N, C-alpha and C. Protein backbone atom coordinates (compact mmCIF):
# COMPACT_ATOMS: atom_id res chain seq x y z
N MET A 1 15.11 0.87 13.84
CA MET A 1 13.99 -0.34 13.16
C MET A 1 15.26 -0.66 12.02
N THR A 2 15.36 -1.83 11.59
CA THR A 2 15.63 -2.39 10.46
C THR A 2 14.84 -2.24 9.29
N ASN A 3 15.21 -1.82 8.25
CA ASN A 3 14.62 -1.63 6.99
C ASN A 3 13.49 -2.78 6.64
N THR A 4 13.65 -4.13 7.01
CA THR A 4 12.47 -4.83 6.89
C THR A 4 11.42 -4.99 8.11
N GLU A 5 11.91 -4.31 9.28
CA GLU A 5 10.85 -3.76 10.15
C GLU A 5 10.03 -2.83 9.89
N VAL A 6 10.63 -1.91 9.14
CA VAL A 6 9.98 -0.63 8.66
C VAL A 6 8.81 -1.20 7.77
N CYS A 7 9.24 -2.06 6.90
CA CYS A 7 8.58 -2.70 5.79
C CYS A 7 7.40 -3.35 6.28
N GLU A 8 7.68 -4.20 7.34
CA GLU A 8 6.42 -5.14 8.14
C GLU A 8 5.46 -3.99 8.89
N ALA A 9 6.06 -3.03 9.48
CA ALA A 9 5.50 -2.26 10.22
C ALA A 9 4.68 -1.29 9.32
N LEU A 10 4.81 -0.94 8.09
CA LEU A 10 3.91 -0.08 7.33
C LEU A 10 2.95 -0.68 6.69
N PHE A 11 3.13 -2.11 6.14
CA PHE A 11 2.02 -2.88 5.63
C PHE A 11 1.11 -3.13 6.74
N ALA A 12 1.54 -3.53 7.93
CA ALA A 12 0.75 -3.81 8.93
C ALA A 12 -0.22 -2.52 9.65
N ALA A 13 0.14 -1.38 9.23
CA ALA A 13 -0.46 0.03 9.44
C ALA A 13 -1.30 0.21 8.48
N PHE A 14 -1.16 -0.10 7.04
CA PHE A 14 -1.90 0.06 5.72
C PHE A 14 -2.97 -1.21 6.14
N GLU A 15 -2.68 -2.26 6.39
CA GLU A 15 -4.04 -3.32 6.36
C GLU A 15 -4.87 -2.83 7.92
N SER A 16 -4.41 -2.48 8.53
CA SER A 16 -5.43 -1.97 9.54
C SER A 16 -6.04 -0.71 9.76
N GLY A 17 -5.59 0.12 8.81
CA GLY A 17 -5.94 1.39 8.44
C GLY A 17 -5.69 2.36 9.41
N ASP A 18 -4.37 2.28 10.07
CA ASP A 18 -3.88 2.84 11.12
C ASP A 18 -3.19 4.23 10.28
N GLN A 19 -3.81 5.08 9.73
CA GLN A 19 -3.20 6.04 9.25
C GLN A 19 -2.09 6.96 9.82
N ASP A 20 -2.21 7.16 11.18
CA ASP A 20 -1.38 7.71 11.91
C ASP A 20 -0.21 7.07 11.89
N ARG A 21 0.08 5.95 12.31
CA ARG A 21 1.25 4.78 12.27
C ARG A 21 2.08 4.78 11.11
N ALA A 22 1.19 4.79 9.81
CA ALA A 22 1.71 4.63 8.32
C ALA A 22 2.50 6.14 8.17
N ARG A 23 1.86 6.99 8.50
CA ARG A 23 2.41 8.53 8.37
C ARG A 23 3.53 8.68 9.13
N ALA A 24 3.60 8.20 10.52
CA ALA A 24 5.10 8.17 11.18
C ALA A 24 6.12 7.15 10.69
N LEU A 25 5.79 6.19 9.67
CA LEU A 25 6.88 5.52 9.10
C LEU A 25 7.09 6.05 8.07
N CYS A 26 6.71 6.98 7.20
CA CYS A 26 6.90 7.68 6.04
C CYS A 26 7.50 9.08 6.19
N ALA A 27 8.73 9.44 5.35
CA ALA A 27 9.23 10.79 5.39
C ALA A 27 8.04 11.77 4.99
N PRO A 28 7.77 12.90 5.42
CA PRO A 28 6.82 13.91 4.89
C PRO A 28 6.73 14.40 3.47
N ASP A 29 7.90 14.10 2.89
CA ASP A 29 8.21 14.40 1.19
C ASP A 29 8.03 13.24 0.62
N LEU A 30 7.52 12.03 1.07
CA LEU A 30 7.52 10.71 0.33
C LEU A 30 7.07 10.70 -1.01
N LYS A 31 7.66 10.30 -1.83
CA LYS A 31 6.91 10.03 -3.35
C LYS A 31 6.66 8.71 -3.48
N ALA A 32 5.50 8.12 -3.95
CA ALA A 32 4.92 7.17 -4.27
C ALA A 32 4.35 6.94 -5.62
N ARG A 33 4.69 5.95 -6.28
CA ARG A 33 4.15 5.52 -7.72
C ARG A 33 3.74 3.92 -7.73
N GLN A 34 2.47 3.95 -8.63
CA GLN A 34 2.14 2.46 -8.88
C GLN A 34 2.38 2.44 -10.44
N ASN A 35 3.18 1.37 -10.67
CA ASN A 35 3.17 1.00 -12.12
C ASN A 35 3.97 2.09 -12.95
N ASN A 36 4.76 2.79 -12.43
CA ASN A 36 5.44 3.98 -13.07
C ASN A 36 4.37 5.24 -13.33
N GLY A 37 3.54 5.28 -12.65
CA GLY A 37 2.43 6.37 -12.78
C GLY A 37 2.95 7.70 -12.22
N PRO A 38 1.80 8.62 -12.05
CA PRO A 38 2.31 9.88 -11.74
C PRO A 38 2.78 9.80 -10.03
N ALA A 39 3.70 10.55 -9.74
CA ALA A 39 3.81 10.41 -8.20
C ALA A 39 2.75 10.89 -7.29
N MET A 40 2.56 10.26 -6.10
CA MET A 40 1.88 10.73 -4.98
C MET A 40 2.45 10.98 -3.95
N ASN A 41 2.03 12.26 -3.32
CA ASN A 41 2.64 12.50 -2.10
C ASN A 41 2.09 11.78 -0.96
N LEU A 42 2.35 11.78 0.27
CA LEU A 42 2.12 11.22 1.53
C LEU A 42 0.69 11.37 1.72
N ASP A 43 -0.06 12.59 1.82
CA ASP A 43 -1.24 12.57 1.67
C ASP A 43 -2.22 11.56 0.85
N SER A 44 -1.68 11.85 -0.48
CA SER A 44 -2.34 11.37 -1.40
C SER A 44 -2.28 9.64 -1.17
N LEU A 45 -1.23 9.17 -0.63
CA LEU A 45 -1.07 7.52 -0.43
C LEU A 45 -1.87 7.37 0.38
N LEU A 46 -1.67 7.80 1.44
CA LEU A 46 -2.83 7.72 2.63
C LEU A 46 -4.41 7.64 2.62
N GLY A 47 -4.56 8.65 1.36
CA GLY A 47 -5.93 9.00 1.11
C GLY A 47 -6.53 7.35 0.23
N LEU A 48 -5.41 7.32 -0.74
CA LEU A 48 -5.53 5.77 -1.53
C LEU A 48 -5.96 4.88 -0.82
N SER A 49 -5.05 4.68 0.32
CA SER A 49 -5.15 3.48 1.34
C SER A 49 -6.57 3.31 2.17
N ALA A 50 -6.90 4.76 2.59
CA ALA A 50 -8.41 4.57 3.24
C ALA A 50 -9.30 4.23 2.59
N MET A 51 -9.43 4.54 1.18
CA MET A 51 -10.41 4.63 0.22
C MET A 51 -10.52 2.84 -0.17
N ILE A 52 -9.26 2.23 -0.14
CA ILE A 52 -9.31 0.73 -0.39
C ILE A 52 -10.08 0.25 0.73
N VAL A 53 -9.33 0.42 1.91
CA VAL A 53 -9.70 -0.31 3.26
C VAL A 53 -11.29 0.07 3.18
N GLY A 54 -11.76 1.01 2.96
CA GLY A 54 -13.45 1.46 3.00
C GLY A 54 -14.19 0.99 2.02
N ALA A 55 -13.46 0.58 0.68
CA ALA A 55 -14.20 -0.06 -0.31
C ALA A 55 -14.79 -1.50 -0.17
N VAL A 56 -13.62 -2.21 0.63
CA VAL A 56 -13.74 -3.78 0.47
C VAL A 56 -13.86 -4.21 1.92
N LYS A 57 -14.13 -5.48 2.03
CA LYS A 57 -14.10 -6.17 3.48
C LYS A 57 -13.02 -7.11 3.57
N ASN A 58 -12.43 -7.36 4.82
CA ASN A 58 -11.47 -8.13 5.04
C ASN A 58 -10.14 -7.83 4.45
N PHE A 59 -9.71 -6.41 3.75
CA PHE A 59 -8.69 -6.35 3.45
C PHE A 59 -7.20 -7.08 4.19
N ARG A 60 -6.69 -7.36 3.41
CA ARG A 60 -5.28 -8.03 4.04
C ARG A 60 -4.37 -8.40 3.06
N TYR A 61 -2.97 -8.53 3.66
CA TYR A 61 -1.72 -8.81 2.81
C TYR A 61 -1.61 -10.21 3.20
N GLU A 62 -1.16 -11.23 2.41
CA GLU A 62 -0.85 -12.30 2.86
C GLU A 62 0.51 -12.80 1.76
N ASP A 63 1.07 -14.13 2.06
CA ASP A 63 2.33 -14.48 1.38
C ASP A 63 3.35 -13.38 1.32
N ALA A 64 3.48 -12.83 2.28
CA ALA A 64 4.54 -11.75 1.95
C ALA A 64 5.97 -12.36 2.17
N LYS A 65 6.78 -11.72 1.17
CA LYS A 65 8.05 -12.09 1.05
C LYS A 65 8.69 -10.57 1.03
N ARG A 66 9.81 -10.65 1.99
CA ARG A 66 10.29 -9.23 2.22
C ARG A 66 11.68 -9.44 2.29
N SER A 67 12.90 -8.38 1.94
CA SER A 67 14.04 -8.58 1.94
C SER A 67 14.49 -7.11 2.15
N ALA A 68 15.50 -7.01 2.83
CA ALA A 68 16.27 -5.71 3.21
C ALA A 68 17.00 -5.47 1.64
N THR A 69 17.32 -4.42 1.27
CA THR A 69 18.06 -3.91 0.44
C THR A 69 19.34 -2.89 1.06
N ASP A 70 20.44 -2.52 0.43
CA ASP A 70 21.20 -1.51 0.89
C ASP A 70 20.53 -0.26 1.12
N THR A 71 19.35 0.18 0.34
CA THR A 71 18.98 1.51 0.61
C THR A 71 17.41 1.40 0.93
N GLY A 72 16.95 0.16 1.17
CA GLY A 72 15.48 -0.04 1.75
C GLY A 72 15.03 -1.48 1.92
N PHE A 73 13.81 -1.57 0.98
CA PHE A 73 13.19 -2.93 1.04
C PHE A 73 12.38 -3.35 -0.21
N VAL A 74 12.51 -4.76 -0.44
CA VAL A 74 11.51 -5.21 -1.55
C VAL A 74 10.48 -5.99 -0.74
N GLU A 75 9.00 -6.27 -1.26
CA GLU A 75 8.18 -7.01 -0.48
C GLU A 75 7.40 -7.27 -1.73
N GLU A 76 7.18 -8.59 -1.87
CA GLU A 76 5.99 -9.28 -2.69
C GLU A 76 4.82 -9.55 -1.59
N HIS A 77 3.80 -9.64 -2.09
CA HIS A 77 2.99 -9.90 -1.52
C HIS A 77 1.47 -9.88 -2.03
N SER A 78 0.56 -10.88 -1.40
CA SER A 78 -0.91 -11.02 -2.17
C SER A 78 -1.69 -9.82 -1.50
N VAL A 79 -2.54 -8.91 -2.05
CA VAL A 79 -3.60 -8.28 -1.49
C VAL A 79 -4.89 -9.13 -1.89
N ARG A 80 -5.55 -9.09 -0.56
CA ARG A 80 -6.85 -10.02 -0.56
C ARG A 80 -7.91 -9.58 0.17
N ALA A 81 -9.09 -9.49 -0.45
CA ALA A 81 -10.31 -8.75 0.37
C ALA A 81 -11.51 -9.21 -0.47
N THR A 82 -12.87 -9.06 0.07
CA THR A 82 -13.94 -9.34 -0.34
C THR A 82 -14.46 -8.12 -1.06
N LEU A 83 -14.64 -8.00 -2.28
CA LEU A 83 -15.35 -6.90 -2.95
C LEU A 83 -16.54 -6.71 -2.85
N PRO A 84 -17.41 -5.65 -3.04
CA PRO A 84 -18.55 -5.44 -2.64
C PRO A 84 -19.48 -6.08 -2.89
N ASP A 85 -19.34 -6.70 -4.16
CA ASP A 85 -20.26 -7.35 -5.11
C ASP A 85 -19.92 -9.28 -4.58
N GLY A 86 -19.23 -9.55 -3.31
CA GLY A 86 -19.04 -10.63 -2.76
C GLY A 86 -18.01 -11.54 -3.24
N SER A 87 -17.60 -10.85 -4.58
CA SER A 87 -16.26 -11.68 -5.12
C SER A 87 -14.97 -11.70 -4.42
N ALA A 88 -14.03 -12.57 -4.71
CA ALA A 88 -12.73 -12.22 -4.05
C ALA A 88 -11.71 -11.52 -4.77
N LEU A 89 -11.21 -10.75 -4.23
CA LEU A 89 -9.82 -9.76 -4.74
C LEU A 89 -8.61 -10.67 -4.40
N ASP A 90 -7.91 -11.19 -5.53
CA ASP A 90 -6.50 -11.65 -5.23
C ASP A 90 -5.62 -11.20 -6.41
N MET A 91 -4.76 -10.40 -5.72
CA MET A 91 -3.75 -9.48 -6.64
C MET A 91 -2.53 -9.53 -6.31
N ARG A 92 -1.63 -9.87 -6.92
CA ARG A 92 0.00 -10.06 -6.37
C ARG A 92 0.64 -8.58 -6.74
N VAL A 93 1.24 -8.30 -5.94
CA VAL A 93 1.86 -7.10 -5.70
C VAL A 93 3.39 -7.21 -5.45
N CYS A 94 4.25 -5.87 -5.92
CA CYS A 94 5.76 -5.98 -5.72
C CYS A 94 5.77 -4.55 -5.27
N VAL A 95 6.33 -4.20 -4.14
CA VAL A 95 6.82 -3.09 -3.37
C VAL A 95 8.45 -2.88 -3.46
N VAL A 96 9.18 -1.85 -4.01
CA VAL A 96 10.24 -1.41 -3.69
C VAL A 96 10.13 -0.14 -3.11
N ALA A 97 11.16 -0.09 -2.05
CA ALA A 97 11.21 1.25 -1.28
C ALA A 97 12.35 1.61 -0.80
N ASP A 98 12.82 2.82 -0.63
CA ASP A 98 13.94 3.54 -0.05
C ASP A 98 13.48 3.93 1.17
N VAL A 99 14.67 3.53 1.97
CA VAL A 99 14.48 4.07 3.59
C VAL A 99 15.42 4.99 3.96
N VAL A 100 15.00 6.16 4.38
CA VAL A 100 16.23 7.06 4.62
C VAL A 100 15.98 7.72 6.25
N ASP A 101 17.05 7.29 7.06
CA ASP A 101 16.84 7.66 8.31
C ASP A 101 15.58 7.15 9.28
N GLY A 102 15.43 5.78 8.59
CA GLY A 102 14.10 5.01 9.24
C GLY A 102 13.03 5.30 8.64
N LYS A 103 13.03 6.11 7.83
CA LYS A 103 11.54 6.47 7.02
C LYS A 103 11.52 5.92 5.53
N VAL A 104 10.29 5.81 5.29
CA VAL A 104 10.08 5.54 3.66
C VAL A 104 10.13 6.61 2.82
N GLN A 105 11.23 6.49 2.18
CA GLN A 105 11.35 8.08 1.34
C GLN A 105 10.64 7.83 -0.03
N ASN A 106 10.86 7.10 -0.67
CA ASN A 106 10.18 6.56 -1.89
C ASN A 106 9.72 5.41 -1.85
N LEU A 107 8.48 5.07 -2.66
CA LEU A 107 7.85 3.87 -2.76
C LEU A 107 7.28 3.35 -4.11
N ARG A 108 7.69 2.50 -4.91
CA ARG A 108 7.48 1.80 -6.15
C ARG A 108 6.58 0.61 -6.24
N GLU A 109 5.42 0.81 -6.37
CA GLU A 109 4.42 -0.43 -6.32
C GLU A 109 4.11 -0.85 -7.81
N TYR A 110 4.26 -2.11 -7.74
CA TYR A 110 3.90 -2.98 -9.25
C TYR A 110 3.09 -3.70 -8.96
N LEU A 111 1.76 -3.47 -9.85
CA LEU A 111 0.59 -4.66 -9.46
C LEU A 111 0.01 -5.03 -11.08
N ASP A 112 -0.58 -5.91 -10.95
CA ASP A 112 -0.97 -6.62 -12.38
C ASP A 112 -2.52 -5.89 -12.30
N THR A 113 -2.55 -4.83 -13.11
CA THR A 113 -3.48 -4.17 -13.74
C THR A 113 -4.87 -4.82 -13.83
N ALA A 114 -4.73 -6.08 -14.65
CA ALA A 114 -6.05 -6.89 -14.72
C ALA A 114 -6.60 -7.53 -13.50
N ALA A 115 -5.84 -7.92 -12.57
CA ALA A 115 -6.30 -8.24 -11.48
C ALA A 115 -6.80 -6.96 -10.56
N ALA A 116 -6.36 -6.07 -10.89
CA ALA A 116 -6.86 -4.49 -10.00
C ALA A 116 -8.00 -4.30 -10.45
N ALA A 117 -8.40 -4.69 -11.85
CA ALA A 117 -9.96 -3.75 -12.38
C ALA A 117 -10.89 -3.95 -11.24
N SER A 118 -11.01 -5.13 -10.71
CA SER A 118 -12.17 -4.95 -9.92
C SER A 118 -11.93 -4.02 -8.66
N LEU A 119 -11.02 -4.22 -8.34
CA LEU A 119 -10.85 -3.03 -7.02
C LEU A 119 -10.91 -1.45 -7.59
N ILE A 120 -10.37 -1.29 -8.68
CA ILE A 120 -10.75 0.05 -9.51
C ILE A 120 -12.03 0.57 -9.48
N GLU A 121 -12.94 -0.94 -10.12
CA GLU A 121 -14.52 -0.63 -9.98
C GLU A 121 -14.98 -0.09 -8.55
N ALA A 122 -14.50 -1.02 -7.45
CA ALA A 122 -14.90 -1.03 -6.25
C ALA A 122 -14.80 0.54 -5.67
N LEU A 123 -13.69 0.72 -6.06
CA LEU A 123 -13.19 2.31 -5.74
C LEU A 123 -13.97 3.54 -6.12
N SER A 124 -14.49 3.09 -7.54
CA SER A 124 -15.09 4.07 -8.16
C SER A 124 -16.99 4.56 -7.47
N LEU A 125 -17.22 3.47 -6.61
CA LEU A 125 -18.65 3.79 -5.57
C LEU A 125 -18.22 4.35 -4.43
N VAL A 126 -16.97 4.64 -4.18
CA VAL A 126 -16.69 5.08 -2.92
C VAL A 126 -16.32 6.68 -2.79
N SER A 127 -16.55 7.44 -1.67
CA SER A 127 -16.44 8.76 -1.72
C SER A 127 -14.98 8.91 -1.07
N PRO A 128 -14.45 9.77 -1.81
CA PRO A 128 -12.86 9.96 -0.92
C PRO A 128 -13.09 10.39 0.34
N PRO A 129 -11.99 9.94 1.46
CA PRO A 129 -11.87 10.33 2.86
C PRO A 129 -11.90 11.81 2.89
N SER A 130 -12.48 12.08 4.08
CA SER A 130 -12.55 13.73 4.22
C SER A 130 -11.21 14.04 5.03
N PRO A 131 -10.54 15.28 4.45
CA PRO A 131 -8.95 15.55 4.70
C PRO A 131 -8.95 15.92 6.20
């Protein structure tokens, strides 16, 4: 798989809630960060993904622009969904990732925190997924 194919498959797995497929595309020791925050391991990232998909309706990535880099990929996309109050989530995100031996090793996500505020509120209403 090329780095852009890994990218496309990873976001398709997140969008559909396919945790097994997302796990298979990532290195077991994956490190992920949002806006240079604390590092998340693979289980934390998958848990966050499951919470997001469970907190909103019609979760999807749109307007994706992806490029391979020498060490991985970069993708810009819009995260769109319907929030619990019926309003629309529309948040631009940029993800930079390192891919080693076909697996995502490091993932750095940069997002508009003002646009994310309504998603954060929706997540506060959801119980974390069971391990």
